Each structure stands twice: as structure tokens, then as C-alpha cells.
Amino acid sequence: MANLRTAMDAAFWDFNVASPQSLDGSAKLVPGDPAPPDGAVASRALRFQQLSFLRNGFPLGIIPSYSPTPRKELGSFSLQSLLLRPATANWWLGVVGQFRPKKLIDSIKAEISSVDEWELSALKDVAKHFLDKSLYSLGVCSQLSLSPSSSVLIGTEQLGEKERRRHKLMLFHKLPNHDITMEAAWPGLFLDHNGRYWDVPESISLDLLSLVSESGFRYRFGIHKNGGHPHTSDATNAEPPSALKPGLCAKAAFSYEKSKDFWRQKETKEDVIVKTEKGSFWRPSYDLRLREPHSAVSAIIGGICTAWLWNPEFPLAVEPREGGIFPVASAKRGPFSADLFGSVCYTFQHGNFRKKYGDLTRIDARLDISSASALAQRVFNVLSGSSGSSFPRPSSSPRVNLIFQQQIH
């Protein structure tokens, strides 16, 4: 059921998707955009925690990584390493370094090919290329447990190709039946449905999320503030998404989810005990969520409403004139909106995912409707023969996700 809940979570400002454009390995999805494929959802484990685990399997703890950057001369290949990782019972600190060798290699090659005679000055020119700041990136992250139910996370990073540092502050608090999250970023990194990244100078959000009840009911409230004009390095003339422009917004959402098993093979104590000549051993599933073969259908339906408490007008088009750039048109978001969403998924799984190979075959087929109103408007335009908007909303089209998993080894 966790995958179905992305339909509601994608409407808020704290939905993380995997991204190579930051050292922590994640970016925020633009609120209101269609939920991404399951493989694009960021891991719950922080990048610092992932590197702490992966470094044990690589020489010197240096981990190769593929992370494209807008500056092509830097290349997509990079080397990452967890430089420091001190920790205590309720606190830890991680320092991550990244190095992009392509530009350095190309620069040294060009320098060597242009040198007629090797002198001390030539060696100094070659050494200067190692001091290029764009080759190196550094990130620092620390988490402190204030109590068994509260923690604070602080992070900052400086990418070599970026002029501005990125700062992040997160506060978590667990209640008996709710989770409270406060998050702030300067600037916030967002990813839209076209694959374009946006930097929002100031992004602050506060969310209250209920845990799923036995009946399947779930609700969520959130307040978010954007400050400053968002900008992107991918395209200079692109219009920023309206959800990222300055303003103060309140959102409320609810959902009801249900799952029905056609059949399910329940796991027993005997299933996880393997008897050999050397004795009995406990062999659980590699993933507890995949321990029971089954065939099931699940669905979720819900609604969301949005109210802009502070909703300034913003330029929709600009015209260059003497003395600067002046707006020639402006737009304003609607002060209130409401919509429905839903998803339905069929799952078939064979195997328990306990053996070393060939013990898991799984198929998931899911249909997502991000916006019922946008879909209805598009259907009406098609039936009436109206062209409607030349730029239909991305949420107006249902999305089908097909996932096939097969354990090989």
C-alpha cells in the first residue's frame, strides 16, 4: 500500500525523489505534478548513511558514482567518499566529499600538449588545475536526537559547479498517532515533470500526517511558504511552476485505502527454520515486505484542498526595455482549489525471497489518476471537439506503472 500513498504525498512540498544534483541524493517533487515511478522515489536512508554502508566494499572507501551535471565539461563520472563519521548514542556527523576527474584530465592533457619544453613554470601551470574549485564538492550533515520521539537534522553542501551553498534544516516529532515534520531549505531544490530542476531561494514547510488507521483512513495538513523567484540552469526562458512562486499556502488532504487478497500463503515459524546436517538455522526473507506469496488488488481514493493565504501577483511575461526588464502581463493563482485523486493496483508474487536465487517473481500493475478535475476537463474537451488549452496539465492524463521483479542471484 505504500506505493499508492504517493498520490497524496506528491501534492505536498516534502516528497523526495532520487536526484544526482545534490550530495544528499534527493530533490523535492514540484507539488501537484504527477507522482513519479516507484524507482524514482528517494530512499528513506540518507545519502550519508548509504555511503557509510557502501564504503566497506570499496578500496579506501572511495565509491564511483554517475551524477550528471549541467556543465558538460565536468562530466558525469564522480568519486565520492565519506570523509568523517563521528557518532555518539544520540548524535552523529557525516562529511562527504566528491571529486569529478574528467575536467582535470582534459585540462592536463591540453596543458601537456601545448608545452614545448618542460620547465618549472610548466609544472606550476599543470598543478594549478588541481586547485579548480569546480572539481570538488563537500557536504556536511548532522542529526541530534532531542528525545525518543524528537530529532533535528542540519545539513549544508557546496557543489563545485554552484556559486551558492545549499542549507537544510529538518525537525521531526512523533506523536502516538501522528508525525510532525518541519523543514526549511535555502535554496530548496525541486524537480518538475519535465525533468527540469528549480532552485527556490527560500522554502519552509510544516506538516502534520496521521498514521494509517485500521479502517484505512488517513489525513494530512500542511503549511508552506516560498520566498524569492525560482530559477533554473537548464533553460533561461522557462516559466517557473506556479506552486514554486512566492506565497503562503495551506493544504489539507484525506484518503481511504483498502486491500483485498485473492490468495496469500501465510508465513509460519517452520518456513524460516532450515534444517541441515549441522543443525537448524533461522533464514528469514531478505525483505519482510516480500516474505509471503500472494495475489491482491489494492486501491486508494482521496481528496485535497488548497488555500493561498498570501498570494501575490507574479509576472507572466516580460519585455526588455531601456533601463531593465519590465513585466507586460501578470497572473495570480486561484485563492482556493479542491480536487480528487485515486490509484488502483494489482499485485502478483511468487516466492518468499529467502533463497539465494530464483525465489522471487513479482508483477505490479498500477493506474494513477492525479487529478480528477483535470481528467474530466480533458475528456470533456475531447468529446465536445474543443481544443482547450494548448498546454494540457500533466495531471490530466492517467498514468500506468508496470513493474516486474525477478530474483536472479
Protein backbone atom coordinates (compact mmCIF):
# COMPACT_ATOMS: atom_id res chain seq x y z
CA MET A 1 0.00 0.00 0.00
CA ALA A 2 2.95 2.34 0.45
CA ASN A 3 3.25 2.94 -3.30
CA LEU A 4 -0.39 4.02 -3.54
CA ARG A 5 0.12 6.74 -0.95
CA THR A 6 2.41 8.68 -3.27
CA ALA A 7 -0.73 10.04 -4.94
CA MET A 8 -1.44 12.16 -1.85
CA ASP A 9 2.14 12.79 -0.75
CA ALA A 10 3.07 14.19 -4.19
CA ALA A 11 0.70 17.10 -3.62
CA PHE A 12 2.77 18.40 -0.70
CA TRP A 13 6.20 20.05 -0.58
CA ASP A 14 8.22 17.31 1.10
CA PHE A 15 8.01 14.43 -1.40
CA ASN A 16 11.59 13.31 -2.08
CA VAL A 17 12.71 11.89 -5.42
CA ALA A 18 16.14 10.47 -6.18
CA SER A 19 18.43 13.04 -7.76
CA PRO A 20 22.13 13.26 -8.69
CA GLN A 21 22.03 17.07 -8.49
CA SER A 22 22.74 17.18 -4.76
CA LEU A 23 25.14 15.40 -2.45
CA ASP A 24 22.31 14.08 -0.27
CA GLY A 25 20.93 12.30 -3.34
CA SER A 26 17.42 13.75 -3.35
CA ALA A 27 15.27 16.64 -4.55
CA LYS A 28 11.68 17.67 -3.91
CA LEU A 29 8.92 16.97 -6.41
CA VAL A 30 7.03 20.06 -7.56
CA PRO A 31 3.71 19.92 -5.66
CA GLY A 32 0.80 18.89 -7.87
CA ASP A 33 2.93 17.17 -10.50
CA PRO A 34 2.13 13.51 -11.24
CA ALA A 35 3.73 11.05 -8.83
CA PRO A 36 6.96 9.63 -10.27
CA PRO A 37 7.61 5.92 -10.91
CA ASP A 38 8.41 3.91 -7.81
CA GLY A 39 12.05 3.58 -8.82
CA ALA A 40 12.44 7.37 -8.76
CA VAL A 41 11.31 7.78 -5.15
CA ALA A 42 14.25 8.62 -2.89
CA SER A 43 15.41 6.12 -0.32
CA ARG A 44 14.49 6.76 3.30
CA ALA A 45 18.13 6.19 4.21
CA LEU A 46 20.18 9.38 4.00
CA ARG A 47 22.99 9.53 1.45
CA PHE A 48 25.48 9.76 4.31
CA GLN A 49 24.12 6.52 5.75
CA GLN A 50 24.26 4.82 2.35
CA LEU A 51 27.91 5.80 1.86
CA SER A 52 28.75 4.61 5.36
CA PHE A 53 27.48 1.15 4.37
CA LEU A 54 28.88 1.07 0.82
CA ARG A 55 32.39 2.22 1.74
CA ASN A 56 33.10 -1.17 3.33
CA GLY A 57 33.02 -2.83 -0.08
CA PHE A 58 35.29 -0.40 -1.96
CA PRO A 59 39.06 0.13 -1.71
CA LEU A 60 39.95 3.10 0.51
CA GLY A 61 36.23 3.81 0.88
CA ILE A 62 36.12 5.63 -2.49
CA ILE A 63 32.80 4.99 -4.25
CA PRO A 64 32.31 5.63 -8.00
CA SER A 65 29.12 7.46 -8.89
CA TYR A 66 27.27 8.58 -12.01
CA SER A 67 25.81 12.03 -11.41
CA PRO A 68 25.18 14.26 -14.47
CA THR A 69 25.72 17.98 -14.15
CA PRO A 70 24.56 20.93 -16.31
CA ARG A 71 28.22 21.76 -17.02
CA LYS A 72 29.23 19.11 -19.56
CA GLU A 73 32.95 19.80 -19.21
CA LEU A 74 32.80 18.37 -15.68
CA GLY A 75 31.49 15.02 -16.92
CA SER A 76 29.00 12.68 -15.29
CA PHE A 77 31.50 10.41 -13.54
CA SER A 78 32.45 11.27 -9.99
CA LEU A 79 34.15 9.74 -6.96
CA GLN A 80 32.51 10.06 -3.54
CA SER A 81 33.79 9.24 -0.09
CA LEU A 82 32.62 9.58 3.49
CA LEU A 83 35.48 11.58 4.99
CA LEU A 84 34.28 11.72 8.60
CA ARG A 85 31.57 9.88 10.53
CA PRO A 86 31.85 10.51 14.30
CA ALA A 87 28.85 9.38 16.35
CA THR A 88 27.59 9.03 19.90
CA ALA A 89 24.49 7.44 21.39
CA ASN A 90 22.19 10.29 20.31
CA TRP A 91 24.23 12.23 17.74
CA TRP A 92 26.13 11.65 14.51
CA LEU A 93 28.00 13.73 11.96
CA GLY A 94 28.83 12.91 8.35
CA VAL A 95 31.19 14.70 5.95
CA VAL A 96 31.01 13.69 2.28
CA GLY A 97 33.49 14.71 -0.41
CA GLN A 98 33.07 14.43 -4.17
CA PHE A 99 35.63 14.74 -6.96
CA ARG A 100 34.97 14.96 -10.73
CA PRO A 101 38.12 13.88 -12.62
CA LYS A 102 37.06 14.47 -16.25
CA LYS A 103 37.72 18.20 -16.42
CA LEU A 104 41.05 17.79 -14.60
CA ILE A 105 42.21 15.08 -17.02
CA ASP A 106 41.14 17.11 -20.07
CA SER A 107 42.85 20.25 -18.74
CA ILE A 108 46.12 18.44 -18.01
CA LYS A 109 46.08 16.82 -21.47
CA ALA A 110 45.60 20.21 -23.12
CA GLU A 111 48.34 21.74 -20.97
CA ILE A 112 50.83 18.97 -21.76
CA SER A 113 50.13 19.08 -25.50
CA SER A 114 50.84 22.83 -25.58
CA VAL A 115 54.16 22.61 -23.71
CA ASP A 116 57.28 22.58 -25.90
CA GLU A 117 59.84 22.36 -23.09
CA TRP A 118 59.29 21.20 -19.55
CA GLU A 119 60.26 23.90 -17.09
CA LEU A 120 59.27 24.79 -13.55
CA SER A 121 56.67 27.25 -14.80
CA ALA A 122 55.05 24.50 -16.90
CA LEU A 123 54.76 22.25 -13.86
CA LYS A 124 53.18 25.09 -11.90
CA ASP A 125 50.60 25.58 -14.67
CA VAL A 126 49.71 21.88 -14.51
CA ALA A 127 49.47 21.99 -10.71
CA LYS A 128 47.05 24.94 -10.87
CA HIS A 129 44.42 22.71 -12.46
CA PHE A 130 44.22 20.70 -9.23
CA LEU A 131 43.06 23.88 -7.45
CA ASP A 132 39.99 24.31 -9.65
CA LYS A 133 37.09 24.60 -7.19
CA SER A 134 34.54 23.26 -9.69
CA LEU A 135 36.12 19.79 -9.40
CA TYR A 136 35.31 19.39 -5.72
CA SER A 137 32.10 19.27 -3.68
CA LEU A 138 31.66 18.99 0.06
CA GLY A 139 28.63 18.16 2.17
CA VAL A 140 28.13 18.12 5.95
CA CYS A 141 25.13 16.61 7.72
CA SER A 142 24.38 16.07 11.41
CA GLN A 143 21.44 14.61 13.30
CA LEU A 144 20.71 15.00 17.01
CA SER A 145 18.08 13.07 18.97
CA LEU A 146 16.46 15.53 21.35
CA SER A 147 14.23 12.84 22.88
CA PRO A 148 13.00 9.35 21.98
CA SER A 149 10.31 10.99 19.83
CA SER A 150 12.11 14.10 18.51
CA SER A 151 15.20 14.75 16.41
CA VAL A 152 16.73 17.58 14.41
CA LEU A 153 18.73 17.28 11.19
CA ILE A 154 21.04 20.01 9.87
CA GLY A 155 22.87 19.85 6.56
CA THR A 156 24.86 22.05 4.23
CA GLU A 157 26.62 21.39 0.95
CA GLN A 158 28.71 23.25 -1.58
CA LEU A 159 28.79 21.85 -5.10
CA GLY A 160 31.86 22.84 -7.06
CA GLU A 161 29.89 23.98 -10.10
CA LYS A 162 27.46 26.05 -7.99
CA GLU A 163 28.18 29.50 -6.61
CA ARG A 164 25.74 29.29 -3.70
CA ARG A 165 25.73 26.85 -0.81
CA ARG A 166 22.64 24.81 -0.05
CA HIS A 167 21.42 24.65 3.57
CA LYS A 168 18.74 22.43 5.09
CA LEU A 169 17.08 22.13 8.49
CA MET A 170 14.58 19.42 9.46
CA LEU A 171 12.75 18.78 12.74
CA PHE A 172 10.89 15.51 13.36
CA HIS A 173 8.47 14.78 16.18
CA LYS A 174 6.43 11.59 16.63
CA LEU A 175 3.07 11.58 18.37
CA PRO A 176 1.13 8.41 19.24
CA ASN A 177 -0.89 8.58 16.00
CA HIS A 178 0.74 11.42 14.05
CA ASP A 179 4.06 12.60 12.66
CA ILE A 180 5.04 16.27 12.66
CA THR A 181 7.75 17.49 10.28
CA MET A 182 9.18 20.97 9.87
CA GLU A 183 11.61 21.53 7.02
CA ALA A 184 13.43 24.59 5.70
CA ALA A 185 15.90 24.92 2.83
CA TRP A 186 17.94 27.82 1.39
CA PRO A 187 17.64 27.30 -1.51
CA GLY A 188 15.21 24.41 -1.97
CA LEU A 189 15.84 22.06 -4.91
CA PHE A 190 12.72 20.95 -6.84
CA LEU A 191 12.21 18.71 -9.87
CA ASP A 192 9.25 19.19 -12.25
CA HIS A 193 7.56 16.66 -14.55
CA ASN A 194 9.75 17.77 -17.48
CA GLY A 195 12.93 16.78 -15.64
CA ARG A 196 13.91 20.42 -15.05
CA TYR A 197 15.46 21.45 -11.73
CA TRP A 198 14.43 24.63 -9.92
CA ASP A 199 16.15 26.46 -7.08
CA VAL A 200 13.72 28.24 -4.75
CA PRO A 201 15.63 30.81 -2.64
CA GLU A 202 13.54 30.08 0.47
CA SER A 203 11.35 27.04 1.11
CA ILE A 204 9.73 26.39 4.52
CA SER A 205 7.05 23.79 5.30
CA LEU A 206 5.25 22.39 8.35
CA ASP A 207 3.27 19.14 8.06
CA LEU A 208 1.05 17.02 10.28
CA LEU A 209 0.50 13.48 8.99
CA SER A 210 -1.72 10.85 10.56
CA LEU A 211 -0.77 7.20 10.67
CA VAL A 212 -2.98 4.84 8.70
CA SER A 213 -5.84 3.62 10.87
CA GLU A 214 -7.26 0.12 10.84
CA SER A 215 -10.12 1.35 8.65
CA GLY A 216 -7.64 2.67 6.06
CA PHE A 217 -8.41 6.35 6.69
CA ARG A 218 -5.52 8.83 6.57
CA TYR A 219 -5.30 12.63 6.57
CA ARG A 220 -2.69 15.34 6.33
CA PHE A 221 -2.36 19.09 6.92
CA GLY A 222 0.45 21.35 5.79
CA ILE A 223 1.55 24.98 5.57
CA HIS A 224 4.25 26.09 3.15
CA LYS A 225 6.00 29.34 2.32
CA ASN A 226 8.06 30.14 -0.76
CA GLY A 227 10.30 33.18 -0.88
CA GLY A 228 12.18 34.66 -3.83
CA HIS A 229 11.85 33.97 -7.54
CA PRO A 230 12.70 30.38 -8.57
CA HIS A 231 15.32 29.94 -11.25
CA THR A 232 16.78 27.09 -13.26
CA SER A 233 20.08 26.49 -15.02
CA ASP A 234 18.51 24.17 -17.60
CA ALA A 235 16.60 26.76 -19.63
CA THR A 236 16.69 30.54 -19.24
CA ASN A 237 13.24 31.22 -20.77
CA ALA A 238 11.30 28.52 -18.92
CA GLU A 239 8.30 29.64 -16.87
CA PRO A 240 8.58 28.51 -13.22
CA PRO A 241 5.78 26.27 -11.90
CA SER A 242 3.16 28.35 -10.11
CA ALA A 243 3.47 26.17 -6.98
CA LEU A 244 7.09 27.34 -6.55
CA LYS A 245 6.46 31.06 -6.87
CA PRO A 246 6.36 33.29 -3.76
CA GLY A 247 3.40 32.79 -1.47
CA LEU A 248 2.00 31.19 1.67
CA CYS A 249 -0.17 28.13 1.15
CA ALA A 250 -2.22 25.80 3.38
CA LYS A 251 -3.21 22.31 2.25
CA ALA A 252 -5.42 19.58 3.67
CA ALA A 253 -5.87 16.09 2.27
CA PHE A 254 -7.54 12.84 3.19
CA SER A 255 -7.50 9.35 1.73
CA TYR A 256 -9.14 5.98 2.22
CA GLU A 257 -7.32 2.84 1.19
CA LYS A 258 -8.27 -0.80 1.04
CA SER A 259 -6.63 -4.06 0.01
CA LYS A 260 -8.19 -7.41 -0.91
CA ASP A 261 -6.23 -10.67 -1.13
CA PHE A 262 -7.33 -13.18 -3.74
CA TRP A 263 -4.99 -15.63 -2.05
CA ARG A 264 -2.00 -15.40 0.31
CA GLN A 265 0.39 -18.00 1.68
CA LYS A 266 0.95 -17.03 5.30
CA GLU A 267 4.47 -17.39 6.68
CA THR A 268 4.88 -19.84 9.56
CA LYS A 269 7.68 -20.46 12.05
CA GLU A 270 8.60 -23.65 10.19
CA ASP A 271 9.14 -21.67 6.97
CA VAL A 272 12.03 -19.65 8.42
CA ILE A 273 13.79 -22.62 10.04
CA VAL A 274 16.17 -24.53 7.75
CA LYS A 275 17.37 -27.93 8.96
CA THR A 276 20.81 -29.14 7.82
CA GLU A 277 23.34 -31.73 8.92
CA LYS A 278 25.00 -29.07 11.08
CA GLY A 279 21.76 -28.18 12.81
CA SER A 280 18.82 -25.81 12.40
CA PHE A 281 19.25 -22.25 11.16
CA TRP A 282 16.95 -19.25 11.05
CA ARG A 283 16.61 -17.93 7.48
CA PRO A 284 14.14 -15.03 7.19
CA SER A 285 13.22 -13.25 3.98
CA TYR A 286 15.69 -10.67 2.67
CA ASP A 287 12.79 -8.19 2.71
CA LEU A 288 9.95 -8.65 5.21
CA ARG A 289 7.54 -6.97 2.79
CA LEU A 290 8.21 -9.74 0.24
CA ARG A 291 8.05 -12.75 2.54
CA GLU A 292 4.56 -14.02 1.57
CA PRO A 293 3.48 -15.14 -1.94
CA HIS A 294 0.11 -13.60 -2.78
CA SER A 295 -2.24 -12.14 -5.35
CA ALA A 296 -4.05 -8.97 -4.33
CA VAL A 297 -5.74 -5.82 -5.53
CA SER A 298 -5.48 -2.54 -3.61
CA ALA A 299 -6.94 0.90 -4.13
CA ILE A 300 -6.85 4.38 -2.65
CA ILE A 301 -9.15 7.35 -3.16
CA GLY A 302 -8.92 10.77 -1.60
CA GLY A 303 -9.31 14.49 -1.91
CA ILE A 304 -7.18 17.57 -1.40
CA CYS A 305 -7.92 21.26 -0.98
CA THR A 306 -5.53 24.20 -1.25
CA ALA A 307 -5.85 27.75 0.07
CA TRP A 308 -3.33 30.51 -0.70
CA LEU A 309 -3.15 32.71 2.40
CA TRP A 310 -0.63 35.05 0.79
CA ASN A 311 -0.91 35.04 -2.98
CA PRO A 312 0.94 37.91 -4.67
CA GLU A 313 0.70 38.54 -8.38
CA PHE A 314 3.75 37.49 -10.35
CA PRO A 315 4.99 38.43 -13.84
CA LEU A 316 3.68 36.13 -16.55
CA ALA A 317 5.66 37.72 -19.37
CA VAL A 318 8.47 40.28 -19.53
CA GLU A 319 9.72 42.69 -22.16
CA PRO A 320 13.27 44.10 -22.31
CA ARG A 321 13.40 47.90 -22.39
CA GLU A 322 15.94 50.59 -21.74
CA GLY A 323 16.88 50.56 -18.10
CA GLY A 324 15.87 46.98 -17.40
CA ILE A 325 13.21 44.31 -17.89
CA PHE A 326 9.56 45.19 -17.25
CA PRO A 327 6.54 42.87 -16.89
CA VAL A 328 3.91 43.20 -19.63
CA ALA A 329 1.47 40.68 -18.12
CA SER A 330 0.81 39.22 -14.71
CA ALA A 331 -1.03 36.24 -13.27
CA LYS A 332 -2.41 35.19 -9.92
CA ARG A 333 -3.17 31.74 -8.58
CA GLY A 334 -6.71 30.93 -7.56
CA PRO A 335 -7.17 31.56 -3.82
CA PHE A 336 -8.83 28.17 -3.28
CA SER A 337 -8.95 24.86 -5.13
CA ALA A 338 -10.09 21.30 -4.45
CA ASP A 339 -9.64 18.04 -6.30
CA LEU A 340 -9.90 14.25 -6.08
CA PHE A 341 -7.27 11.61 -6.79
CA GLY A 342 -7.10 7.82 -6.83
CA SER A 343 -4.99 4.77 -7.61
CA VAL A 344 -5.69 1.08 -8.12
CA CYS A 345 -3.03 -1.64 -8.18
CA TYR A 346 -2.90 -5.38 -8.88
CA THR A 347 0.00 -7.41 -7.42
CA PHE A 348 1.09 -10.98 -8.05
CA GLN A 349 4.05 -12.52 -6.21
CA HIS A 350 5.56 -15.99 -6.36
CA GLY A 351 8.32 -16.98 -3.95
CA ASN A 352 9.38 -15.95 -0.44
CA PHE A 353 12.65 -14.16 -1.26
CA ARG A 354 14.60 -16.33 1.19
CA LYS A 355 16.82 -18.41 -1.08
CA LYS A 356 19.97 -17.21 -2.84
CA TYR A 357 18.41 -17.23 -6.31
CA GLY A 358 15.11 -17.81 -8.13
CA ASP A 359 12.89 -17.27 -5.07
CA LEU A 360 11.04 -14.12 -6.14
CA THR A 361 8.87 -13.25 -9.12
CA ARG A 362 6.64 -10.21 -8.69
CA ILE A 363 4.44 -8.16 -11.02
CA ASP A 364 2.78 -4.85 -10.09
CA ALA A 365 0.36 -3.02 -12.39
CA ARG A 366 -0.90 0.35 -11.12
CA LEU A 367 -3.20 3.01 -12.56
CA ASP A 368 -2.83 6.53 -11.11
CA ILE A 369 -5.23 9.45 -11.52
CA SER A 370 -3.55 12.52 -10.04
CA SER A 371 -6.36 14.99 -10.71
CA ALA A 372 -9.98 14.01 -11.34
CA SER A 373 -10.94 17.56 -12.39
CA ALA A 374 -8.12 17.81 -14.94
CA LEU A 375 -9.03 14.40 -16.36
CA ALA A 376 -12.73 15.33 -16.58
CA GLN A 377 -11.88 18.61 -18.32
CA ARG A 378 -9.71 16.80 -20.86
CA VAL A 379 -12.41 14.21 -21.56
CA PHE A 380 -14.98 16.99 -21.99
CA ASN A 381 -12.73 18.82 -24.46
CA VAL A 382 -12.25 15.65 -26.49
CA LEU A 383 -15.98 14.82 -26.59
CA SER A 384 -17.01 18.39 -27.40
CA GLY A 385 -14.32 18.82 -30.04
CA SER A 386 -12.81 21.76 -28.19
CA SER A 387 -9.05 22.17 -28.34
CA GLY A 388 -8.93 23.64 -24.83
CA SER A 389 -5.52 24.74 -23.67
CA SER A 390 -2.60 24.12 -26.00
CA PHE A 391 -0.60 23.11 -22.91
CA PRO A 392 -2.66 20.50 -21.03
CA ARG A 393 -1.88 19.95 -17.38
CA PRO A 394 0.43 16.97 -16.81
CA SER A 395 -2.01 15.61 -14.23
CA SER A 396 -4.82 15.42 -16.81
CA SER A 397 -3.60 12.07 -18.15
CA PRO A 398 -3.90 8.81 -16.18
CA ARG A 399 -0.59 7.03 -15.70
CA VAL A 400 0.03 3.28 -15.84
CA ASN A 401 3.03 1.84 -13.98
CA LEU A 402 4.17 -1.70 -14.73
CA ILE A 403 6.89 -3.20 -12.52
CA PHE A 404 8.45 -6.64 -12.95
CA GLN A 405 10.85 -8.06 -10.37
CA GLN A 406 12.82 -11.28 -10.75
CA GLN A 407 15.47 -12.52 -8.35
CA ILE A 408 18.46 -13.82 -10.31
CA HIS A 409 21.06 -14.19 -7.57
